[in-house]
Amino acid sequence: MTTASTPTRDTCASPLAPTAPVPAQQGFTLIEVLVALAIVGITLTAGLQATGALTRHAERQRLQWLAQLCADNALVQVRLATQMPPIGRNSSNCEQAGHTLEVVQDVSPTPNPSFRRVVTQVHTGADSDDGRRLLLQLSTVVGRY
């Protein structure tokens, strides 16, 4: 009797026998990683610059507000004085919230002798980091009562 022989698998494969194909490795190349790092670096730099600009603007706004207080106080003193302010320029310091601001008042005559023009300028003090600069200028006319 003859039996049909069926092909049998070798249970002991040789080390040189072909194996299933290895899938390609998954991941990023060095160029892709460097490009991603460059994009992140540029984005962070832009963010830091925007944050710095907002911080500088907030400090400038704060100084403007303090300068407004100093100028208003100086002009109220002129208005409340019992005498007309003398013609000329005078300077004083104004201390507000830990900042020393310089208030310069320039009083000039007008065509009508009963009125005087008062221009008040507020500058950052000499002790500020960026030197003396003009923060605010207000002007008014005061008259005799």
C-alpha atoms as a PDB file:
ATOM      1  CA  MET A   1       0.000   0.000   0.000  1.00  0.00           C
ATOM      2  CA  THR A   2       1.269   3.232  -0.893  1.00  0.00           C
ATOM      3  CA  THR A   3       0.560   6.294   0.997  1.00  0.00           C
ATOM      4  CA  ALA A   4       0.899   9.729  -0.315  1.00  0.00           C
ATOM      5  CA  SER A   5       3.601  11.531   1.434  1.00  0.00           C
ATOM      6  CA  THR A   6       2.828  14.986   2.612  1.00  0.00           C
ATOM      7  CA  PRO A   7       5.568  17.497   2.841  1.00  0.00           C
ATOM      8  CA  THR A   8       6.607  17.998   6.404  1.00  0.00           C
ATOM      9  CA  ARG A   9       8.106  21.070   7.909  1.00  0.00           C
ATOM     10  CA  ASP A  10      11.480  20.978   9.381  1.00  0.00           C
ATOM     11  CA  THR A  11      11.108  21.687  13.028  1.00  0.00           C
ATOM     12  CA  CYS A  12      14.704  22.648  13.357  1.00  0.00           C
ATOM     13  CA  ALA A  13      15.371  25.532  10.991  1.00  0.00           C
ATOM     14  CA  SER A  14      18.922  26.286  10.129  1.00  0.00           C
ATOM     15  CA  PRO A  15      20.354  29.673  11.114  1.00  0.00           C
ATOM     16  CA  LEU A  16      20.904  30.563   7.489  1.00  0.00           C
ATOM     17  CA  ALA A  17      17.365  29.877   6.480  1.00  0.00           C
ATOM     18  CA  PRO A  18      15.426  32.896   5.218  1.00  0.00           C
ATOM     19  CA  THR A  19      13.152  34.449   7.823  1.00  0.00           C
ATOM     20  CA  ALA A  20      10.187  36.788   7.593  1.00  0.00           C
ATOM     21  CA  PRO A  21      11.112  40.250   6.349  1.00  0.00           C
ATOM     22  CA  VAL A  22      11.883  42.784   9.129  1.00  0.00           C
ATOM     23  CA  PRO A  23       9.698  45.894   8.854  1.00  0.00           C
ATOM     24  CA  ALA A  24      11.536  49.196   8.286  1.00  0.00           C
ATOM     25  CA  GLN A  25      12.415  51.028  11.506  1.00  0.00           C
ATOM     26  CA  GLN A  26       9.956  53.720  12.532  1.00  0.00           C
ATOM     27  CA  GLY A  27      11.216  57.102  13.794  1.00  0.00           C
ATOM     28  CA  PHE A  28      12.574  60.468  12.768  1.00  0.00           C
ATOM     29  CA  THR A  29      15.754  61.236  10.928  1.00  0.00           C
ATOM     30  CA  LEU A  30      18.321  63.618  12.340  1.00  0.00           C
ATOM     31  CA  ILE A  31      17.351  66.296   9.806  1.00  0.00           C
ATOM     32  CA  GLU A  32      13.704  66.113  10.843  1.00  0.00           C
ATOM     33  CA  VAL A  33      14.640  66.469  14.511  1.00  0.00           C
ATOM     34  CA  LEU A  34      16.902  69.472  13.787  1.00  0.00           C
ATOM     35  CA  VAL A  35      14.193  71.182  11.728  1.00  0.00           C
ATOM     36  CA  ALA A  36      11.681  70.648  14.540  1.00  0.00           C
ATOM     37  CA  LEU A  37      14.137  72.061  17.097  1.00  0.00           C
ATOM     38  CA  ALA A  38      14.779  75.102  14.893  1.00  0.00           C
ATOM     39  CA  ILE A  39      11.036  75.769  14.598  1.00  0.00           C
ATOM     40  CA  VAL A  40      10.564  75.439  18.361  1.00  0.00           C
ATOM     41  CA  GLY A  41      13.555  77.743  18.975  1.00  0.00           C
ATOM     42  CA  ILE A  42      12.231  80.431  16.629  1.00  0.00           C
ATOM     43  CA  THR A  43       8.777  80.207  18.192  1.00  0.00           C
ATOM     44  CA  LEU A  44      10.159  80.529  21.725  1.00  0.00           C
ATOM     45  CA  THR A  45      12.322  83.492  20.730  1.00  0.00           C
ATOM     46  CA  ALA A  46       9.326  85.272  19.207  1.00  0.00           C
ATOM     47  CA  GLY A  47       7.302  84.545  22.345  1.00  0.00           C
ATOM     48  CA  LEU A  48      10.021  85.935  24.601  1.00  0.00           C
ATOM     49  CA  GLN A  49      10.283  89.095  22.536  1.00  0.00           C
ATOM     50  CA  ALA A  50       6.530  89.606  22.685  1.00  0.00           C
ATOM     51  CA  THR A  51       6.545  89.059  26.440  1.00  0.00           C
ATOM     52  CA  GLY A  52       9.393  91.534  26.856  1.00  0.00           C
ATOM     53  CA  ALA A  53       7.555  94.134  24.784  1.00  0.00           C
ATOM     54  CA  LEU A  54       4.430  93.712  26.911  1.00  0.00           C
ATOM     55  CA  THR A  55       6.472  94.090  30.088  1.00  0.00           C
ATOM     56  CA  ARG A  56       8.160  97.272  28.821  1.00  0.00           C
ATOM     57  CA  HIS A  57       4.803  98.674  27.734  1.00  0.00           C
ATOM     58  CA  ALA A  58       3.266  97.962  31.144  1.00  0.00           C
ATOM     59  CA  GLU A  59       6.163  99.725  32.903  1.00  0.00           C
ATOM     60  CA  ARG A  60       5.894 102.684  30.516  1.00  0.00           C
ATOM     61  CA  GLN A  61       2.138 102.851  31.189  1.00  0.00           C
ATOM     62  CA  ARG A  62       2.797 102.814  34.926  1.00  0.00           C
ATOM     63  CA  LEU A  63       5.310 105.666  34.637  1.00  0.00           C
ATOM     64  CA  GLN A  64       2.837 107.642  32.490  1.00  0.00           C
ATOM     65  CA  TRP A  65       0.183 107.257  35.160  1.00  0.00           C
ATOM     66  CA  LEU A  66       2.593 108.367  37.915  1.00  0.00           C
ATOM     67  CA  ALA A  67       3.659 111.330  35.761  1.00  0.00           C
ATOM     68  CA  GLN A  68       0.001 112.288  35.331  1.00  0.00           C
ATOM     69  CA  LEU A  69      -0.409 112.333  39.114  1.00  0.00           C
ATOM     70  CA  CYS A  70       2.675 114.540  39.545  1.00  0.00           C
ATOM     71  CA  ALA A  71       1.605 116.986  36.813  1.00  0.00           C
ATOM     72  CA  ASP A  72      -1.936 117.217  38.151  1.00  0.00           C
ATOM     73  CA  ASN A  73      -0.639 117.890  41.665  1.00  0.00           C
ATOM     74  CA  ALA A  74       1.697 120.617  40.426  1.00  0.00           C
ATOM     75  CA  LEU A  75      -1.056 122.334  38.431  1.00  0.00           C
ATOM     76  CA  VAL A  76      -3.482 122.150  41.358  1.00  0.00           C
ATOM     77  CA  GLN A  77      -0.869 123.854  43.558  1.00  0.00           C
ATOM     78  CA  VAL A  78      -0.599 126.675  40.982  1.00  0.00           C
ATOM     79  CA  ARG A  79      -4.379 127.061  40.811  1.00  0.00           C
ATOM     80  CA  LEU A  80      -4.776 127.061  44.614  1.00  0.00           C
ATOM     81  CA  ALA A  81      -2.031 129.626  45.205  1.00  0.00           C
ATOM     82  CA  THR A  82      -3.257 133.040  46.279  1.00  0.00           C
ATOM     83  CA  GLN A  83      -0.853 134.828  43.912  1.00  0.00           C
ATOM     84  CA  MET A  84      -0.171 134.528  40.209  1.00  0.00           C
ATOM     85  CA  PRO A  85       2.800 132.271  39.548  1.00  0.00           C
ATOM     86  CA  PRO A  86       6.012 134.152  38.778  1.00  0.00           C
ATOM     87  CA  ILE A  87       7.193 134.157  35.161  1.00  0.00           C
ATOM     88  CA  GLY A  88      10.078 131.774  34.598  1.00  0.00           C
ATOM     89  CA  ARG A  89      11.022 128.145  34.988  1.00  0.00           C
ATOM     90  CA  ASN A  90      11.160 126.141  38.175  1.00  0.00           C
ATOM     91  CA  SER A  91      11.867 122.508  38.839  1.00  0.00           C
ATOM     92  CA  SER A  92      10.983 120.132  41.650  1.00  0.00           C
ATOM     93  CA  ASN A  93      11.002 116.433  42.380  1.00  0.00           C
ATOM     94  CA  CYS A  94       7.889 114.342  42.797  1.00  0.00           C
ATOM     95  CA  GLU A  95       8.047 111.057  44.669  1.00  0.00           C
ATOM     96  CA  GLN A  96       5.428 108.557  43.503  1.00  0.00           C
ATOM     97  CA  ALA A  97       5.383 104.798  44.204  1.00  0.00           C
ATOM     98  CA  GLY A  98       9.123 104.608  44.770  1.00  0.00           C
ATOM     99  CA  HIS A  99       9.993 106.610  41.630  1.00  0.00           C
ATOM    100  CA  THR A 100      11.468 110.096  41.723  1.00  0.00           C
ATOM    101  CA  LEU A 101      10.120 112.112  38.817  1.00  0.00           C
ATOM    102  CA  GLU A 102      11.243 115.600  37.888  1.00  0.00           C
ATOM    103  CA  VAL A 103       8.498 118.203  37.399  1.00  0.00           C
ATOM    104  CA  VAL A 104       9.480 121.276  35.365  1.00  0.00           C
ATOM    105  CA  GLN A 105       7.043 124.203  35.202  1.00  0.00           C
ATOM    106  CA  ASP A 106       7.483 126.950  32.655  1.00  0.00           C
ATOM    107  CA  VAL A 107       5.332 130.028  33.313  1.00  0.00           C
ATOM    108  CA  SER A 108       5.050 132.544  30.486  1.00  0.00           C
ATOM    109  CA  PRO A 109       2.996 135.734  30.001  1.00  0.00           C
ATOM    110  CA  THR A 110      -0.016 135.963  27.709  1.00  0.00           C
ATOM    111  CA  PRO A 111      -1.273 138.980  25.761  1.00  0.00           C
ATOM    112  CA  ASN A 112      -3.762 139.563  28.575  1.00  0.00           C
ATOM    113  CA  PRO A 113      -1.811 140.478  31.749  1.00  0.00           C
ATOM    114  CA  SER A 114      -4.492 138.864  33.917  1.00  0.00           C
ATOM    115  CA  PHE A 115      -3.539 135.402  32.662  1.00  0.00           C
ATOM    116  CA  ARG A 116      -0.381 133.315  32.560  1.00  0.00           C
ATOM    117  CA  ARG A 117       0.358 130.174  30.608  1.00  0.00           C
ATOM    118  CA  VAL A 118       1.767 127.303  32.647  1.00  0.00           C
ATOM    119  CA  VAL A 119       3.417 124.344  30.896  1.00  0.00           C
ATOM    120  CA  THR A 120       4.217 121.407  33.151  1.00  0.00           C
ATOM    121  CA  GLN A 121       6.587 118.700  31.972  1.00  0.00           C
ATOM    122  CA  VAL A 122       7.336 115.517  33.872  1.00  0.00           C
ATOM    123  CA  HIS A 123      10.613 113.735  33.203  1.00  0.00           C
ATOM    124  CA  THR A 124      12.044 110.530  34.532  1.00  0.00           C
ATOM    125  CA  GLY A 125      14.546 111.256  37.262  1.00  0.00           C
ATOM    126  CA  ALA A 126      18.286 111.203  36.703  1.00  0.00           C
ATOM    127  CA  ASP A 127      18.436 107.969  38.696  1.00  0.00           C
ATOM    128  CA  SER A 128      16.402 106.020  36.098  1.00  0.00           C
ATOM    129  CA  ASP A 129      18.067 103.327  34.018  1.00  0.00           C
ATOM    130  CA  ASP A 130      17.488 104.907  30.613  1.00  0.00           C
ATOM    131  CA  GLY A 131      18.422 108.458  31.557  1.00  0.00           C
ATOM    132  CA  ARG A 132      16.206 111.523  31.724  1.00  0.00           C
ATOM    133  CA  ARG A 133      13.299 111.465  29.264  1.00  0.00           C
ATOM    134  CA  LEU A 134      10.018 113.298  28.887  1.00  0.00           C
ATOM    135  CA  LEU A 135       7.014 111.321  30.116  1.00  0.00           C
ATOM    136  CA  LEU A 136       4.206 113.866  29.999  1.00  0.00           C
ATOM    137  CA  GLN A 137       3.472 117.503  29.212  1.00  0.00           C
ATOM    138  CA  LEU A 138       0.378 119.408  30.331  1.00  0.00           C
ATOM    139  CA  SER A 139      -0.427 123.069  29.893  1.00  0.00           C
ATOM    140  CA  THR A 140      -3.055 125.386  31.277  1.00  0.00           C
ATOM    141  CA  VAL A 141      -3.840 129.054  31.693  1.00  0.00           C
ATOM    142  CA  VAL A 142      -4.285 130.532  35.150  1.00  0.00           C
ATOM    143  CA  GLY A 143      -5.780 133.929  35.916  1.00  0.00           C
ATOM    144  CA  ARG A 144      -6.191 136.395  38.744  1.00  0.00           C
ATOM    145  CA  TYR A 145      -9.135 135.967  41.002  1.00  0.00           C
END
